[in-house]
Amino acid sequence: MDKLDYYRVFYEVAKTNNITKAAENLFISQPAISQTIKKLESDLSAKLFIRNKRGTALTRFGQEVFNKVETAMLALKSIDNISIEEKELLKGSLVIASGSNVAKDILISPIKSFLESFPNIQITLTEGVQEETLTKLKAGEIDLVISQQNHLIKDLPFHSVLKHRYVFIKKKDAKIERFIKMSKGSFTFNLIEEFEKQTNLKTLPEIFVTGYRMAIELAQNGVGIALVPEFLVSKLIEEGKLEIAYKNYKLPSITFGYYFNPASLTSACEVFLKFLEI
């Protein structure tokens, strides 16, 4: 029995003013209760209870100890309640990081369905580059990172949600040879650089943007050629608003999904992962 258990016994005896009743409530024998109280009094070098006809009563020192212990016990009970609420998803939070428009598209429907079932969960969506968000995931600051798969990441589990190929897109019948690129060092920037290198294509000065949405809008307006995941533009291609350029050039597929940290997986996050699979 550790020190916390001693105080639990003391607290129950003090509340009931009766060793027999305390023993029944704690499912401990009366001699064990008495021995625990004696040990605690010995450790504190002070008397906690006095015997009377009705059972036991706190000494003045015992009352001071009881006031402190009661505050601690109520705090522990509050923690237990938080744990129950978290497990039953009556309360809690979920922090999800994503680094691109594609990742955000993955989240919209699952978040809507999840909140319909668990309206009391607070959700925070944050953005950042993959390296930064995965560092926060390892530290337990983030619950989930929605991202494309990075085969260099070996210390966190990854689960695939969707897989689509990249395509070059442009306005139908547009003749302009200008690339709309993401920031230097990005995956699509490197793909276009490799394409230009292999084809020795001479183009107009590029335009740099920060997201696929802007790249697609510019391509629709005939400003240039963008490289994007196909599923983002499949409808626009079907409607004839965009067409695929450089069809004969082989581009890689992209796998999007989520990274999570098993060591800090909360109840809310564990349940939300099931909605991502729908």
Protein backbone atom coordinates (compact mmCIF):
# COMPACT_ATOMS: atom_id res chain seq x y z
CA MET A 1 0.00 0.00 0.00
CA ASP A 2 1.48 3.36 -1.01
CA LYS A 3 1.05 6.77 0.65
CA LEU A 4 -1.92 7.67 -1.58
CA ASP A 5 -3.73 4.52 -0.43
CA TYR A 6 -3.11 5.50 3.21
CA TYR A 7 -4.80 8.84 2.62
CA ARG A 8 -7.69 7.18 0.78
CA VAL A 9 -8.29 5.05 3.87
CA PHE A 10 -7.95 8.08 6.16
CA TYR A 11 -10.40 10.04 4.00
CA GLU A 12 -13.03 7.31 4.12
CA VAL A 13 -12.75 6.88 7.90
CA ALA A 14 -12.96 10.66 8.37
CA LYS A 15 -16.06 10.91 6.14
CA THR A 16 -17.93 8.04 7.80
CA ASN A 17 -16.60 8.53 11.35
CA ASN A 18 -16.69 4.76 11.56
CA ILE A 19 -13.98 2.18 10.89
CA THR A 20 -16.50 -0.59 10.21
CA LYS A 21 -18.36 1.49 7.64
CA ALA A 22 -15.10 2.59 6.01
CA ALA A 23 -13.98 -1.04 5.77
CA GLU A 24 -17.25 -1.95 4.01
CA ASN A 25 -16.95 0.93 1.56
CA LEU A 26 -13.33 0.15 0.71
CA PHE A 27 -13.71 -3.66 0.77
CA ILE A 28 -10.87 -3.86 3.28
CA SER A 29 -10.88 -5.63 6.66
CA GLN A 30 -11.30 -3.58 9.84
CA PRO A 31 -7.88 -4.63 11.19
CA ALA A 32 -6.27 -3.46 7.94
CA ILE A 33 -8.03 -0.10 8.29
CA SER A 34 -6.86 0.30 11.88
CA GLN A 35 -3.30 -0.69 10.98
CA THR A 36 -3.25 1.81 8.10
CA ILE A 37 -4.40 4.66 10.35
CA LYS A 38 -1.75 3.75 12.96
CA LYS A 39 0.95 3.72 10.27
CA LEU A 40 -0.16 7.11 8.94
CA GLU A 41 -0.23 8.59 12.45
CA SER A 42 3.26 7.22 13.05
CA ASP A 43 4.54 8.74 9.82
CA LEU A 44 2.98 12.11 10.68
CA SER A 45 3.97 11.91 14.36
CA ALA A 46 0.50 13.06 15.34
CA LYS A 47 -2.88 11.67 16.36
CA LEU A 48 -5.55 11.84 13.62
CA PHE A 49 -8.57 10.32 15.36
CA ILE A 50 -9.99 9.90 18.80
CA ARG A 51 -12.41 7.15 19.70
CA ASN A 52 -15.89 7.94 21.00
CA LYS A 53 -19.17 6.09 21.56
CA ARG A 54 -20.37 6.69 18.01
CA GLY A 55 -17.10 5.59 16.39
CA THR A 56 -14.27 7.99 15.60
CA ALA A 57 -13.80 11.74 15.45
CA LEU A 58 -11.05 13.85 13.96
CA THR A 59 -8.55 15.59 16.17
CA ARG A 60 -7.80 19.25 15.42
CA PHE A 61 -4.71 18.15 13.49
CA GLY A 62 -6.76 15.41 11.81
CA GLN A 63 -9.28 18.03 10.62
CA GLU A 64 -6.48 20.08 9.02
CA VAL A 65 -5.19 16.97 7.27
CA PHE A 66 -8.73 16.07 6.17
CA ASN A 67 -9.24 19.50 4.57
CA LYS A 68 -6.09 19.05 2.49
CA VAL A 69 -6.86 15.45 1.59
CA GLU A 70 -10.45 16.28 0.61
CA THR A 71 -9.21 18.91 -1.86
CA ALA A 72 -6.82 16.34 -3.36
CA MET A 73 -9.48 13.64 -3.56
CA LEU A 74 -11.93 15.97 -5.30
CA ALA A 75 -9.19 16.85 -7.79
CA LEU A 76 -8.55 13.16 -8.44
CA LYS A 77 -12.27 12.57 -8.94
CA SER A 78 -12.34 15.45 -11.42
CA ILE A 79 -9.49 13.81 -13.34
CA ASP A 80 -11.42 10.53 -13.39
CA ASN A 81 -14.46 12.37 -14.78
CA ILE A 82 -12.33 13.96 -17.50
CA SER A 83 -11.02 10.51 -18.43
CA ILE A 84 -14.57 9.11 -18.64
CA GLU A 85 -15.74 12.06 -20.75
CA GLU A 86 -12.75 11.67 -23.08
CA LYS A 87 -13.37 7.94 -23.53
CA GLU A 88 -17.08 8.46 -24.18
CA LEU A 89 -16.32 11.49 -26.41
CA LEU A 90 -18.54 13.73 -24.30
CA LYS A 91 -15.68 16.20 -24.24
CA GLY A 92 -12.24 16.48 -25.80
CA SER A 93 -10.21 17.99 -28.58
CA LEU A 94 -8.62 16.97 -31.84
CA VAL A 95 -5.75 18.80 -33.56
CA ILE A 96 -5.24 17.93 -37.21
CA ALA A 97 -2.44 19.31 -39.39
CA SER A 98 -2.41 19.40 -43.17
CA GLY A 99 -0.05 20.94 -45.65
CA SER A 100 -1.97 21.21 -48.90
CA ASN A 101 -5.35 21.70 -50.51
CA VAL A 102 -5.46 18.01 -51.33
CA ALA A 103 -5.17 17.15 -47.65
CA LYS A 104 -7.96 19.56 -46.80
CA ASP A 105 -10.22 17.95 -49.40
CA ILE A 106 -9.70 14.61 -47.66
CA LEU A 107 -10.89 16.08 -44.35
CA ILE A 108 -14.12 17.93 -45.18
CA SER A 109 -16.56 15.02 -45.34
CA PRO A 110 -15.06 13.02 -42.41
CA ILE A 111 -15.10 16.08 -40.13
CA LYS A 112 -18.75 16.78 -40.99
CA SER A 113 -19.78 13.18 -40.25
CA PHE A 114 -17.68 12.98 -37.10
CA LEU A 115 -19.15 16.17 -35.60
CA GLU A 116 -22.67 15.01 -36.38
CA SER A 117 -21.99 12.03 -34.11
CA PHE A 118 -19.77 13.76 -31.55
CA PRO A 119 -20.70 17.47 -31.46
CA ASN A 120 -18.85 18.21 -28.20
CA ILE A 121 -15.37 17.52 -29.58
CA GLN A 122 -13.36 20.63 -30.37
CA ILE A 123 -11.44 20.37 -33.65
CA THR A 124 -8.47 22.56 -34.56
CA LEU A 125 -7.12 22.51 -38.12
CA THR A 126 -3.60 23.78 -38.58
CA GLU A 127 -1.20 24.06 -41.50
CA GLY A 128 2.51 23.58 -41.95
CA VAL A 129 5.16 21.86 -44.00
CA GLN A 130 5.40 18.12 -43.51
CA GLU A 131 8.67 18.15 -41.57
CA GLU A 132 7.32 20.67 -39.07
CA THR A 133 3.96 18.97 -38.51
CA LEU A 134 5.49 15.52 -38.09
CA THR A 135 7.87 16.89 -35.45
CA LYS A 136 4.85 18.23 -33.55
CA LEU A 137 3.07 14.88 -33.99
CA LYS A 138 6.02 13.07 -32.38
CA ALA A 139 5.94 15.55 -29.50
CA GLY A 140 2.21 14.98 -28.92
CA GLU A 141 1.27 18.55 -29.89
CA ILE A 142 -0.78 17.33 -32.87
CA ASP A 143 -3.06 14.30 -33.08
CA LEU A 144 -2.98 13.67 -36.81
CA VAL A 145 -1.08 14.80 -39.90
CA ILE A 146 -2.83 14.54 -43.27
CA SER A 147 -0.14 14.46 -45.92
CA GLN A 148 1.29 12.71 -48.92
CA GLN A 149 3.37 9.66 -48.10
CA ASN A 150 7.05 10.31 -47.55
CA HIS A 151 9.04 7.09 -47.81
CA LEU A 152 11.88 8.66 -45.84
CA ILE A 153 9.66 8.75 -42.72
CA LYS A 154 10.24 5.44 -40.94
CA ASP A 155 9.34 6.15 -37.30
CA LEU A 156 5.63 6.98 -37.67
CA PRO A 157 2.82 4.80 -39.07
CA PHE A 158 1.23 5.96 -42.34
CA HIS A 159 -2.17 4.88 -43.62
CA SER A 160 -3.16 5.47 -47.23
CA VAL A 161 -6.54 7.08 -47.96
CA LEU A 162 -6.34 7.80 -51.69
CA LYS A 163 -3.95 7.47 -54.59
CA HIS A 164 -4.02 9.52 -57.79
CA ARG A 165 -1.60 10.37 -60.54
CA TYR A 166 -0.31 13.82 -61.35
CA VAL A 167 -1.29 15.48 -64.62
CA PHE A 168 -0.24 18.59 -66.50
CA ILE A 169 -3.34 20.70 -67.16
CA LYS A 170 -4.08 23.71 -69.34
CA LYS A 171 -7.04 25.53 -70.81
CA LYS A 172 -8.44 23.67 -73.79
CA ASP A 173 -6.64 24.66 -77.00
CA ALA A 174 -4.35 27.13 -75.15
CA LYS A 175 -0.97 27.52 -76.86
CA ILE A 176 0.99 29.27 -74.10
CA GLU A 177 4.08 27.40 -72.89
CA ARG A 178 4.45 28.74 -69.34
CA PHE A 179 4.53 26.72 -66.13
CA ILE A 180 2.58 27.59 -63.02
CA LYS A 181 4.81 26.24 -60.24
CA MET A 182 4.61 25.68 -56.51
CA SER A 183 7.40 26.93 -54.24
CA LYS A 184 10.94 25.76 -54.86
CA GLY A 185 11.72 22.46 -53.21
CA SER A 186 8.11 21.26 -53.33
CA PHE A 187 7.31 17.87 -54.82
CA THR A 188 5.58 19.27 -57.91
CA PHE A 189 8.31 21.89 -58.44
CA ASN A 190 10.89 19.10 -58.62
CA LEU A 191 8.71 17.10 -61.01
CA ILE A 192 8.44 20.03 -63.42
CA GLU A 193 12.19 20.67 -63.16
CA GLU A 194 12.84 17.05 -64.09
CA PHE A 195 10.35 17.28 -66.97
CA GLU A 196 12.05 20.40 -68.37
CA LYS A 197 15.42 18.74 -68.05
CA GLN A 198 14.36 15.57 -69.87
CA THR A 199 12.42 17.32 -72.65
CA ASN A 200 14.68 20.36 -73.02
CA LEU A 201 11.50 22.40 -73.32
CA LYS A 202 11.88 26.18 -73.65
CA THR A 203 9.09 28.05 -71.87
CA LEU A 204 8.10 31.55 -70.83
CA PRO A 205 9.09 32.73 -67.31
CA GLU A 206 7.15 30.75 -64.74
CA ILE A 207 4.53 31.91 -62.26
CA PHE A 208 4.90 30.80 -58.62
CA VAL A 209 1.84 30.11 -56.46
CA THR A 210 1.30 28.70 -52.98
CA GLY A 211 -1.49 26.20 -53.62
CA TYR A 212 -3.24 24.00 -56.17
CA ARG A 213 -6.42 26.10 -56.13
CA MET A 214 -4.67 29.16 -57.50
CA ALA A 215 -2.71 27.06 -60.01
CA ILE A 216 -5.94 25.53 -61.35
CA GLU A 217 -7.67 28.93 -61.59
CA LEU A 218 -4.75 30.37 -63.56
CA ALA A 219 -4.68 27.34 -65.88
CA GLN A 220 -8.43 27.70 -66.49
CA ASN A 221 -7.83 31.29 -67.56
CA GLY A 222 -5.18 30.27 -70.07
CA VAL A 223 -2.26 31.78 -68.17
CA GLY A 224 -0.13 28.67 -68.20
CA ILE A 225 0.28 24.96 -67.50
CA ALA A 226 -0.04 23.54 -63.98
CA LEU A 227 0.92 20.19 -62.50
CA VAL A 228 -1.71 18.90 -60.06
CA PRO A 229 -3.20 15.65 -58.70
CA GLU A 230 -5.72 14.43 -61.27
CA PHE A 231 -8.68 14.03 -58.90
CA LEU A 232 -8.70 17.76 -58.23
CA VAL A 233 -9.44 18.53 -61.86
CA SER A 234 -11.22 15.43 -63.18
CA LYS A 235 -14.59 17.20 -63.26
CA LEU A 236 -13.15 20.25 -65.03
CA ILE A 237 -11.58 17.97 -67.62
CA GLU A 238 -14.88 16.16 -68.14
CA GLU A 239 -16.63 19.50 -68.61
CA GLY A 240 -14.06 20.54 -71.20
CA LYS A 241 -12.79 23.48 -69.14
CA LEU A 242 -9.33 21.96 -68.92
CA GLU A 243 -7.37 19.36 -70.82
CA ILE A 244 -4.35 17.21 -70.05
CA ALA A 245 -1.07 18.38 -71.55
CA TYR A 246 2.01 16.28 -72.38
CA LYS A 247 -0.04 13.06 -72.23
CA ASN A 248 2.86 10.90 -73.36
CA TYR A 249 5.11 11.95 -70.49
CA LYS A 250 4.94 9.47 -67.60
CA LEU A 251 4.29 11.06 -64.22
CA PRO A 252 4.28 9.35 -60.81
CA SER A 253 1.20 8.72 -58.69
CA ILE A 254 0.69 10.41 -55.36
CA THR A 255 -0.46 8.64 -52.20
CA PHE A 256 -2.29 10.71 -49.63
CA GLY A 257 -3.25 9.56 -46.17
CA TYR A 258 -2.42 10.23 -42.56
CA TYR A 259 0.44 9.90 -40.10
CA PHE A 260 -0.42 9.25 -36.45
CA ASN A 261 1.48 8.63 -33.25
CA PRO A 262 0.40 5.42 -31.44
CA ALA A 263 2.10 6.66 -28.24
CA SER A 264 -0.24 9.66 -27.93
CA LEU A 265 -3.40 8.43 -29.66
CA THR A 266 -6.46 9.90 -27.92
CA SER A 267 -9.94 8.39 -27.89
CA ALA A 268 -11.22 11.20 -30.11
CA CYS A 269 -8.47 10.64 -32.66
CA GLU A 270 -8.93 6.87 -32.63
CA VAL A 271 -12.63 7.25 -33.43
CA PHE A 272 -12.00 9.96 -36.04
CA LEU A 273 -9.67 7.61 -37.94
CA LYS A 274 -12.66 5.35 -38.60
CA PHE A 275 -14.45 8.26 -40.29
CA LEU A 276 -11.44 8.81 -42.54
CA GLU A 277 -11.87 5.28 -43.88
CA ILE A 278 -15.46 5.86 -45.03
